[in-house]
């Protein structure tokens, strides 16, 4: 990265490929940042040693893959909300398009080696069900989107449950604040008109 790159605006999100990249990158960022920051905070002065301990590294890898679908459904619901606020129209069709794109993003990744056989397949099925449930309630405020997933996310932290203390509210607040920041980035970058008003442009790549 050159010095001038620091002053360049991020490119507009104007097609399905760019939206998929945004969803993928921020889903991973949302869950991984919380896992690493919480682990460092809990380990305190021993964090540097912990972060290179092979057994802990393995557990972190397992945690981040298990948490990725949670991040993806939160980002997908946020994206659908931004599109809903921008253009109105047929919410069911729009949500179907965003859900299919989210599943396409998930399918970029083969079954992680750190997970037991079948866990990744089950995670996809659960993701599909969670995406379908978004349409069963009105559009939420961004800060409220993480609430149904926060306990599940907290349970995936690679720290023994006896050492977690009363940290759940802190982790829940992290999800809310970080998702709001990601939302602000999306609003700045998205080009709804270019994406198209009926969202057929969000058909998964290679579909008819």
Protein backbone atom coordinates (compact mmCIF):
# COMPACT_ATOMS: atom_id res chain seq x y z
CA UNK A 1 0.00 0.00 0.00
CA UNK A 2 1.39 3.39 -1.00
CA UNK A 3 1.01 6.58 0.96
CA UNK A 4 -1.67 7.90 -1.40
CA UNK A 5 -3.76 4.77 -0.85
CA UNK A 6 -4.40 5.94 2.70
CA UNK A 7 -6.37 8.91 1.32
CA UNK A 8 -8.37 7.06 -1.31
CA UNK A 9 -12.00 6.33 -0.66
CA UNK A 10 -13.10 2.72 -0.61
CA UNK A 11 -14.77 1.78 -3.90
CA UNK A 12 -18.52 1.97 -4.28
CA UNK A 13 -20.53 -1.21 -3.77
CA UNK A 14 -22.38 -1.31 -7.06
CA UNK A 15 -22.67 -4.98 -8.03
CA UNK A 16 -23.29 -8.38 -6.47
CA UNK A 17 -19.61 -9.27 -6.44
CA UNK A 18 -18.68 -6.17 -4.46
CA UNK A 19 -21.56 -6.71 -2.05
CA UNK A 20 -20.51 -10.34 -1.53
CA UNK A 21 -16.94 -9.24 -0.75
CA UNK A 22 -18.23 -6.68 1.74
CA UNK A 23 -20.40 -9.30 3.45
CA UNK A 24 -17.61 -11.87 3.60
CA UNK A 25 -14.93 -9.50 4.89
CA UNK A 26 -17.12 -7.91 7.53
CA UNK A 27 -18.68 -11.16 8.72
CA UNK A 28 -15.20 -12.47 9.45
CA UNK A 29 -14.09 -9.17 10.97
CA UNK A 30 -17.12 -8.91 13.26
CA UNK A 31 -16.64 -12.30 14.90
CA UNK A 32 -12.86 -12.65 14.78
CA UNK A 33 -12.07 -9.24 16.24
CA UNK A 34 -14.28 -9.97 19.22
CA UNK A 35 -12.76 -13.40 19.78
CA UNK A 36 -9.19 -12.09 19.75
CA UNK A 37 -9.88 -8.97 21.79
CA UNK A 38 -11.84 -10.85 24.43
CA UNK A 39 -9.18 -13.56 24.68
CA UNK A 40 -6.42 -10.98 25.11
CA UNK A 41 -8.39 -9.12 27.75
CA UNK A 42 -9.12 -12.30 29.70
CA UNK A 43 -5.51 -13.51 29.50
CA UNK A 44 -4.17 -10.17 30.71
CA UNK A 45 -0.37 -10.11 31.05
CA UNK A 46 -0.18 -13.69 29.76
CA UNK A 47 -1.87 -12.88 26.45
CA UNK A 48 1.31 -12.98 24.35
CA UNK A 49 2.13 -16.47 25.59
CA UNK A 50 -1.44 -17.64 25.19
CA UNK A 51 -1.73 -16.44 21.60
CA UNK A 52 1.10 -18.73 20.46
CA UNK A 53 0.10 -21.76 22.51
CA UNK A 54 -0.75 -24.48 19.92
CA UNK A 55 -3.80 -25.76 21.78
CA UNK A 56 -5.19 -22.24 22.11
CA UNK A 57 -4.49 -21.41 18.47
CA UNK A 58 -6.40 -24.54 17.50
CA UNK A 59 -9.33 -23.56 19.72
CA UNK A 60 -9.40 -20.03 18.30
CA UNK A 61 -9.52 -21.43 14.77
CA UNK A 62 -12.42 -23.66 15.75
CA UNK A 63 -14.23 -20.76 17.45
CA UNK A 64 -13.87 -18.35 14.54
CA UNK A 65 -15.21 -20.85 12.01
CA UNK A 66 -18.16 -21.73 14.23
CA UNK A 67 -18.88 -18.03 14.73
CA UNK A 68 -18.57 -17.08 11.05
CA UNK A 69 -22.16 -18.06 10.13
CA UNK A 70 -23.43 -15.92 13.02
CA UNK A 71 -21.50 -12.97 11.63
CA UNK A 72 -22.82 -13.67 8.16
CA UNK A 73 -26.48 -13.72 9.19
CA UNK A 74 -26.04 -10.47 11.15
CA UNK A 75 -24.38 -8.78 8.18
CA UNK A 76 -27.04 -10.13 5.79
CA UNK A 77 -29.85 -8.75 7.95
CA UNK A 78 -28.07 -5.41 8.14
CA UNK A 79 -27.63 -5.32 4.34
CA UNK A 80 -31.29 -6.13 3.78
CA UNK A 81 -32.25 -3.34 6.16
CA UNK A 82 -30.14 -0.79 4.28
CA UNK A 83 -31.68 -1.84 0.97
CA UNK A 84 -35.16 -1.75 2.49
CA UNK A 85 -34.64 1.77 3.79
CA UNK A 86 -33.23 2.91 0.45
CA UNK A 87 -35.73 1.55 -2.00
CA UNK A 88 -38.77 -0.10 -0.45
CA UNK A 89 -40.43 -2.47 -2.90
CA UNK A 90 -40.90 -6.22 -2.57
CA UNK A 91 -39.17 -7.16 0.68
CA UNK A 92 -39.62 -10.91 0.18
CA UNK A 93 -37.84 -10.83 -3.18
CA UNK A 94 -35.08 -8.61 -1.85
CA UNK A 95 -34.54 -10.78 1.23
CA UNK A 96 -34.47 -13.90 -0.94
CA UNK A 97 -31.76 -12.34 -3.10
CA UNK A 98 -29.65 -11.24 -0.11
CA UNK A 99 -30.07 -14.66 1.52
CA UNK A 100 -28.94 -16.46 -1.62
CA UNK A 101 -25.92 -14.19 -1.81
CA UNK A 102 -25.08 -14.91 1.84
CA UNK A 103 -25.23 -18.65 1.19
CA UNK A 104 -23.02 -18.20 -1.85
CA UNK A 105 -20.49 -16.43 0.36
CA UNK A 106 -20.64 -19.29 2.88
CA UNK A 107 -20.09 -21.82 0.09
CA UNK A 108 -16.75 -20.22 -0.79
CA UNK A 109 -15.25 -22.13 2.10
CA UNK A 110 -14.71 -25.89 2.27
CA UNK A 111 -15.27 -27.67 5.55
CA UNK A 112 -12.63 -26.31 7.97
CA UNK A 113 -10.11 -28.87 9.19
CA UNK A 114 -10.60 -27.71 12.78
CA UNK A 115 -14.27 -28.77 12.80
CA UNK A 116 -15.64 -32.26 13.13
CA UNK A 117 -17.09 -33.84 10.02
CA UNK A 118 -20.61 -32.63 9.32
CA UNK A 119 -20.45 -29.53 11.54
CA UNK A 120 -19.94 -27.19 8.58
CA UNK A 121 -22.80 -28.79 6.67
CA UNK A 122 -25.08 -28.39 9.69
CA UNK A 123 -23.92 -24.78 10.07
CA UNK A 124 -25.05 -24.06 6.50
CA UNK A 125 -28.47 -25.51 7.16
CA UNK A 126 -28.80 -23.44 10.32
CA UNK A 127 -27.66 -20.33 8.45
CA UNK A 128 -30.31 -20.94 5.80
CA UNK A 129 -32.98 -21.23 8.48
CA UNK A 130 -31.80 -18.08 10.27
CA UNK A 131 -31.84 -16.14 7.01
CA UNK A 132 -35.40 -17.26 6.33
CA UNK A 133 -36.47 -16.03 9.77
CA UNK A 134 -35.36 -12.45 9.03
CA UNK A 135 -38.51 -11.90 7.02
CA UNK A 136 -40.77 -12.95 9.90
CA UNK A 137 -40.36 -9.67 11.75
CA UNK A 138 -40.18 -5.98 10.83
CA UNK A 139 -36.84 -4.41 10.00
CA UNK A 140 -34.79 -3.94 13.17
CA UNK A 141 -32.58 -1.12 14.33
CA UNK A 142 -28.98 -2.10 13.57
CA UNK A 143 -28.05 -2.17 17.26
CA UNK A 144 -30.76 -4.77 17.89
CA UNK A 145 -29.73 -7.20 15.14
CA UNK A 146 -27.05 -8.99 17.25
CA UNK A 147 -29.35 -9.62 20.24
CA UNK A 148 -30.63 -13.09 19.18
CA UNK A 149 -27.08 -14.25 18.43
CA UNK A 150 -25.05 -12.71 21.25
CA UNK A 151 -25.35 -15.58 23.75
CA UNK A 152 -24.45 -18.14 21.11
CA UNK A 153 -21.44 -16.04 20.12
CA UNK A 154 -20.33 -15.60 23.73
CA UNK A 155 -20.50 -19.37 24.27
CA UNK A 156 -18.00 -19.84 21.44
CA UNK A 157 -15.26 -17.80 23.13
CA UNK A 158 -12.08 -19.92 23.46
CA UNK A 159 -11.91 -19.23 27.20
CA UNK A 160 -13.16 -21.73 29.78
CA UNK A 161 -16.64 -20.77 30.91
CA UNK A 162 -15.52 -20.62 34.56
CA UNK A 163 -13.09 -17.83 33.64
CA UNK A 164 -15.54 -15.69 31.68
CA UNK A 165 -17.13 -14.04 34.69
CA UNK A 166 -19.90 -11.51 34.03
CA UNK A 167 -18.58 -10.59 30.61
CA UNK A 168 -21.63 -11.28 28.46
CA UNK A 169 -22.94 -7.68 28.47
CA UNK A 170 -19.52 -6.44 27.31
CA UNK A 171 -19.43 -8.91 24.42
CA UNK A 172 -23.01 -8.08 23.46
CA UNK A 173 -22.15 -4.36 23.44
CA UNK A 174 -19.12 -5.10 21.26
CA UNK A 175 -21.34 -6.77 18.66
CA UNK A 176 -23.81 -3.87 18.68
CA UNK A 177 -21.18 -1.15 18.35
CA UNK A 178 -19.13 -2.95 15.72
CA UNK A 179 -22.17 -3.78 13.60
CA UNK A 180 -23.25 -0.13 13.75
CA UNK A 181 -19.81 0.91 12.48
CA UNK A 182 -20.01 -1.62 9.64
CA UNK A 183 -23.48 -0.30 8.81
CA UNK A 184 -22.13 3.24 8.55
CA UNK A 185 -19.47 2.03 6.11
CA UNK A 186 -22.08 0.27 3.99
CA UNK A 187 -24.30 3.35 3.85
CA UNK A 188 -21.33 5.44 2.68
CA UNK A 189 -20.32 2.98 -0.02
CA UNK A 190 -23.46 1.35 -1.37
CA UNK A 191 -24.89 2.41 -4.73
CA UNK A 192 -28.45 1.12 -4.57
CA UNK A 193 -29.38 2.44 -8.01
CA UNK A 194 -26.52 0.56 -9.63
CA UNK A 195 -27.46 -2.62 -7.80
CA UNK A 196 -30.86 -2.40 -9.44
CA UNK A 197 -34.30 -1.83 -7.99
CA UNK A 198 -35.61 -5.38 -8.30
CA UNK A 199 -32.30 -6.95 -7.14
CA UNK A 200 -32.11 -9.51 -9.93
CA UNK A 201 -28.48 -8.40 -10.11
CA UNK A 202 -28.00 -10.22 -6.82
CA UNK A 203 -28.57 -13.58 -8.46
CA UNK A 204 -25.72 -15.89 -7.39
CA UNK A 205 -22.96 -16.13 -9.97
CA UNK A 206 -23.60 -18.86 -12.49
CA UNK A 207 -27.33 -19.11 -11.83
CA UNK A 208 -29.87 -18.91 -14.60
